[in-house]
């Protein structure tokens, strides 16, 4: 019995879509992690150098 080509193509398309979703998820996680690290770095650089200016 010969395999159905339509079924193989459907499986391939589904697998490709799944891989795309996983790549985007990893990219989003990486971007969020980078953003949090950058935010912490900015806070650390600004720490101790700040002052409050009161205008009367």
Protein backbone atom coordinates (compact mmCIF):
# COMPACT_ATOMS: atom_id res chain seq x y z
CA UNK A 1 0.00 0.00 0.00
CA UNK A 2 1.42 3.36 -1.02
CA UNK A 3 1.61 6.24 1.49
CA UNK A 4 -0.65 9.15 0.77
CA UNK A 5 1.34 12.17 -0.38
CA UNK A 6 -1.26 14.60 0.97
CA UNK A 7 -0.88 13.14 4.45
CA UNK A 8 2.92 13.48 4.31
CA UNK A 9 2.62 17.08 3.16
CA UNK A 10 0.16 17.85 5.95
CA UNK A 11 2.49 16.31 8.53
CA UNK A 12 5.41 18.27 7.13
CA UNK A 13 3.44 21.54 7.20
CA UNK A 14 2.31 20.90 10.77
CA UNK A 15 5.85 20.08 11.85
CA UNK A 16 7.17 23.23 10.17
CA UNK A 17 4.52 25.37 11.89
CA UNK A 18 5.33 23.78 15.25
CA UNK A 19 9.06 24.48 14.78
CA UNK A 20 8.25 28.08 13.87
CA UNK A 21 6.22 28.52 17.07
CA UNK A 22 9.03 27.04 19.17
CA UNK A 23 11.61 29.34 17.55
CA UNK A 24 9.43 32.38 18.23
CA UNK A 25 8.90 31.29 21.84
CA UNK A 26 12.66 30.95 22.37
CA UNK A 27 13.24 34.32 20.71
CA UNK A 28 10.63 35.98 22.95
CA UNK A 29 12.12 34.42 26.07
CA UNK A 30 15.58 35.58 25.02
CA UNK A 31 14.34 39.11 24.34
CA UNK A 32 12.56 39.31 27.71
CA UNK A 33 15.65 38.02 29.51
CA UNK A 34 17.86 40.55 27.71
CA UNK A 35 15.43 43.38 28.53
CA UNK A 36 15.38 42.46 32.21
CA UNK A 37 19.18 42.23 32.35
CA UNK A 38 19.53 45.57 30.57
CA UNK A 39 17.04 47.17 32.96
CA UNK A 40 18.99 45.85 35.95
CA UNK A 41 22.21 47.16 34.41
CA UNK A 42 20.71 50.63 33.95
CA UNK A 43 19.44 50.64 37.53
CA UNK A 44 22.87 49.58 38.81
CA UNK A 45 24.58 52.32 36.82
CA UNK A 46 22.18 54.97 38.12
CA UNK A 47 22.36 53.75 41.73
CA UNK A 48 24.30 56.00 44.09
CA UNK A 49 24.49 58.84 41.60
CA UNK A 50 20.97 60.05 42.04
CA UNK A 51 19.82 63.08 43.95
CA UNK A 52 16.58 64.84 44.66
CA UNK A 53 16.12 68.44 43.66
CA UNK A 54 13.50 70.41 45.56
CA UNK A 55 12.35 73.59 43.95
CA UNK A 56 10.69 76.18 46.17
